């Protein structure tokens, strides 16, 4: 996943992983931290923050 916009990646993560999107982003961040890849660690932290923000601000879909 090499998109540069954290919000776009966050939307894709929510579509793909649903309620687990935040946890998956944190897992990826932890993997990058373990590898010592600070740039990717920061990127995944930004994606996690974007997921949290989207969950707070976007209206929830109500079943019909």
N, C-alpha and C. Protein backbone atom coordinates (compact mmCIF):
# COMPACT_ATOMS: atom_id res chain seq x y z
N UNK A 1 0.85 -1.18 0.00
CA UNK A 1 0.00 0.00 0.00
C UNK A 1 0.89 1.24 0.00
N UNK A 2 1.03 1.90 -1.13
CA UNK A 2 1.96 3.01 -1.21
C UNK A 2 1.27 4.35 -1.48
N UNK A 3 -0.02 4.48 -1.20
CA UNK A 3 -0.66 5.78 -1.34
C UNK A 3 -0.03 6.74 -0.35
N UNK A 4 0.06 8.01 -0.76
CA UNK A 4 0.72 8.98 0.11
C UNK A 4 -0.26 9.68 1.05
N UNK A 5 -1.53 9.74 0.70
CA UNK A 5 -2.51 10.44 1.52
C UNK A 5 -3.04 9.51 2.63
N UNK A 6 -2.70 9.80 3.88
CA UNK A 6 -3.14 8.92 4.98
C UNK A 6 -4.67 8.77 5.05
N UNK A 7 -5.41 9.83 4.70
CA UNK A 7 -6.88 9.71 4.76
C UNK A 7 -7.41 8.73 3.72
N UNK A 8 -6.81 8.74 2.54
CA UNK A 8 -7.24 7.81 1.49
C UNK A 8 -6.92 6.37 1.89
N UNK A 9 -5.72 6.16 2.43
CA UNK A 9 -5.35 4.82 2.90
C UNK A 9 -6.28 4.42 4.05
N UNK A 10 -6.59 5.36 4.93
CA UNK A 10 -7.49 5.07 6.05
C UNK A 10 -8.85 4.61 5.55
N UNK A 11 -9.37 5.28 4.53
CA UNK A 11 -10.67 4.87 3.96
C UNK A 11 -10.59 3.45 3.40
N UNK A 12 -9.50 3.16 2.68
CA UNK A 12 -9.32 1.82 2.14
C UNK A 12 -9.22 0.79 3.26
N UNK A 13 -8.51 1.14 4.31
CA UNK A 13 -8.36 0.21 5.44
C UNK A 13 -9.72 -0.07 6.09
N UNK A 14 -10.53 0.96 6.25
CA UNK A 14 -11.85 0.78 6.84
C UNK A 14 -12.71 -0.10 5.95
N UNK A 15 -12.65 0.12 4.62
CA UNK A 15 -13.42 -0.72 3.69
C UNK A 15 -12.96 -2.17 3.75
N UNK A 16 -11.65 -2.36 3.80
CA UNK A 16 -11.09 -3.71 3.75
C UNK A 16 -11.21 -4.44 5.09
N UNK A 17 -10.93 -3.75 6.20
CA UNK A 17 -10.82 -4.41 7.50
C UNK A 17 -11.95 -4.10 8.46
N UNK A 18 -12.83 -3.16 8.11
CA UNK A 18 -13.96 -2.83 8.97
C UNK A 18 -13.51 -2.35 10.33
N UNK A 19 -14.09 -2.90 11.36
CA UNK A 19 -13.80 -2.47 12.72
C UNK A 19 -12.37 -2.76 13.16
N UNK A 20 -11.69 -3.64 12.45
CA UNK A 20 -10.30 -3.97 12.80
C UNK A 20 -9.28 -3.03 12.17
N UNK A 21 -9.73 -2.06 11.40
CA UNK A 21 -8.80 -1.17 10.68
C UNK A 21 -7.80 -0.50 11.61
N UNK A 22 -8.26 0.01 12.73
CA UNK A 22 -7.35 0.68 13.67
C UNK A 22 -6.29 -0.29 14.18
N UNK A 23 -6.71 -1.49 14.54
CA UNK A 23 -5.78 -2.48 15.07
C UNK A 23 -4.77 -2.89 14.00
N UNK A 24 -5.22 -3.03 12.77
CA UNK A 24 -4.31 -3.43 11.68
C UNK A 24 -3.27 -2.33 11.46
N UNK A 25 -3.69 -1.07 11.47
CA UNK A 25 -2.75 0.03 11.30
C UNK A 25 -1.71 0.05 12.42
N UNK A 26 -2.15 -0.21 13.65
CA UNK A 26 -1.20 -0.26 14.76
C UNK A 26 -0.24 -1.43 14.63
N UNK A 27 -0.74 -2.56 14.12
CA UNK A 27 0.13 -3.72 13.90
C UNK A 27 1.21 -3.37 12.87
N UNK A 28 0.81 -2.71 11.78
CA UNK A 28 1.78 -2.32 10.74
C UNK A 28 2.81 -1.34 11.32
N UNK A 29 2.35 -0.40 12.13
CA UNK A 29 3.27 0.56 12.75
C UNK A 29 4.28 -0.17 13.64
N UNK A 30 3.79 -1.13 14.42
CA UNK A 30 4.68 -1.89 15.30
C UNK A 30 5.70 -2.69 14.49
N UNK A 31 5.26 -3.27 13.35
CA UNK A 31 6.19 -4.00 12.49
C UNK A 31 7.29 -3.08 11.98
N UNK A 32 6.91 -1.89 11.56
CA UNK A 32 7.89 -0.94 11.03
C UNK A 32 8.85 -0.46 12.12
N UNK A 33 8.32 -0.29 13.33
CA UNK A 33 9.17 0.12 14.45
C UNK A 33 10.19 -0.98 14.75
N UNK A 34 9.75 -2.23 14.73
CA UNK A 34 10.64 -3.35 14.97
C UNK A 34 11.74 -3.42 13.91
N UNK A 35 11.38 -3.12 12.65
CA UNK A 35 12.35 -3.12 11.56
C UNK A 35 13.27 -1.91 11.60
N UNK A 36 12.90 -0.91 12.39
CA UNK A 36 13.70 0.31 12.45
C UNK A 36 13.41 1.27 11.32
N UNK A 37 12.30 1.08 10.63
CA UNK A 37 11.92 1.94 9.51
C UNK A 37 11.06 3.09 10.03
N UNK A 38 11.73 4.16 10.43
CA UNK A 38 11.01 5.27 11.08
C UNK A 38 10.06 5.99 10.13
N UNK A 39 10.41 6.08 8.85
CA UNK A 39 9.52 6.75 7.90
C UNK A 39 8.20 5.99 7.75
N UNK A 40 8.29 4.67 7.59
CA UNK A 40 7.07 3.86 7.48
C UNK A 40 6.33 3.80 8.81
N UNK A 41 7.05 3.79 9.91
CA UNK A 41 6.40 3.84 11.22
C UNK A 41 5.56 5.11 11.34
N UNK A 42 6.16 6.25 10.98
CA UNK A 42 5.42 7.52 11.03
C UNK A 42 4.22 7.50 10.09
N UNK A 43 4.40 6.92 8.91
CA UNK A 43 3.30 6.83 7.94
C UNK A 43 2.13 6.03 8.51
N UNK A 44 2.42 4.89 9.12
CA UNK A 44 1.35 4.06 9.68
C UNK A 44 0.71 4.72 10.91
N UNK A 45 1.49 5.47 11.66
CA UNK A 45 0.92 6.24 12.77
C UNK A 45 -0.07 7.28 12.23
N UNK A 46 0.30 7.92 11.11
CA UNK A 46 -0.58 8.91 10.48
C UNK A 46 -1.85 8.25 9.95
N UNK A 47 -1.70 7.07 9.39
CA UNK A 47 -2.88 6.34 8.89
C UNK A 47 -3.78 5.97 10.05
N UNK A 48 -3.20 5.51 11.15
CA UNK A 48 -3.99 5.18 12.34
C UNK A 48 -4.76 6.40 12.83
N UNK A 49 -4.09 7.53 12.91
CA UNK A 49 -4.74 8.77 13.34
C UNK A 49 -5.87 9.15 12.39
N UNK A 50 -5.66 8.97 11.09
CA UNK A 50 -6.70 9.28 10.11
C UNK A 50 -7.90 8.36 10.26
N UNK A 51 -7.66 7.08 10.54
CA UNK A 51 -8.77 6.14 10.78
C UNK A 51 -9.58 6.61 11.99
N UNK A 52 -8.88 6.96 13.06
CA UNK A 52 -9.57 7.43 14.27
C UNK A 52 -10.40 8.68 13.97
N UNK A 53 -9.81 9.60 13.21
CA UNK A 53 -10.51 10.84 12.86
C UNK A 53 -11.74 10.55 12.00
N UNK A 54 -11.60 9.69 11.02
CA UNK A 54 -12.74 9.34 10.17
C UNK A 54 -13.86 8.70 10.99
N UNK A 55 -13.49 7.86 11.90
CA UNK A 55 -14.51 7.20 12.74
C UNK A 55 -15.25 8.23 13.60
N UNK A 56 -14.53 9.28 14.05
CA UNK A 56 -15.16 10.31 14.87
C UNK A 56 -16.05 11.24 14.07
N UNK A 57 -15.65 11.55 12.83
CA UNK A 57 -16.30 12.64 12.11
C UNK A 57 -17.26 12.22 11.02
N UNK A 58 -17.10 11.05 10.42
CA UNK A 58 -18.00 10.67 9.34
C UNK A 58 -19.28 10.10 9.91
N UNK A 59 -20.40 10.48 9.26
CA UNK A 59 -21.69 9.96 9.75
C UNK A 59 -21.75 8.45 9.59
N UNK A 60 -22.39 7.84 10.53
CA UNK A 60 -22.54 6.38 10.48
C UNK A 60 -23.72 6.04 9.59
N UNK A 61 -23.57 4.96 8.86
CA UNK A 61 -24.64 4.51 7.97
C UNK A 61 -25.70 3.79 8.80
N UNK A 62 -26.92 4.21 8.62
CA UNK A 62 -28.04 3.59 9.32
C UNK A 62 -28.66 2.54 8.42
N UNK A 63 -28.92 1.35 8.93
CA UNK A 63 -29.57 0.33 8.10
C UNK A 63 -30.96 0.80 7.68
N UNK A 64 -31.35 0.45 6.49
CA UNK A 64 -32.68 0.85 5.98
C UNK A 64 -33.76 -0.06 6.48
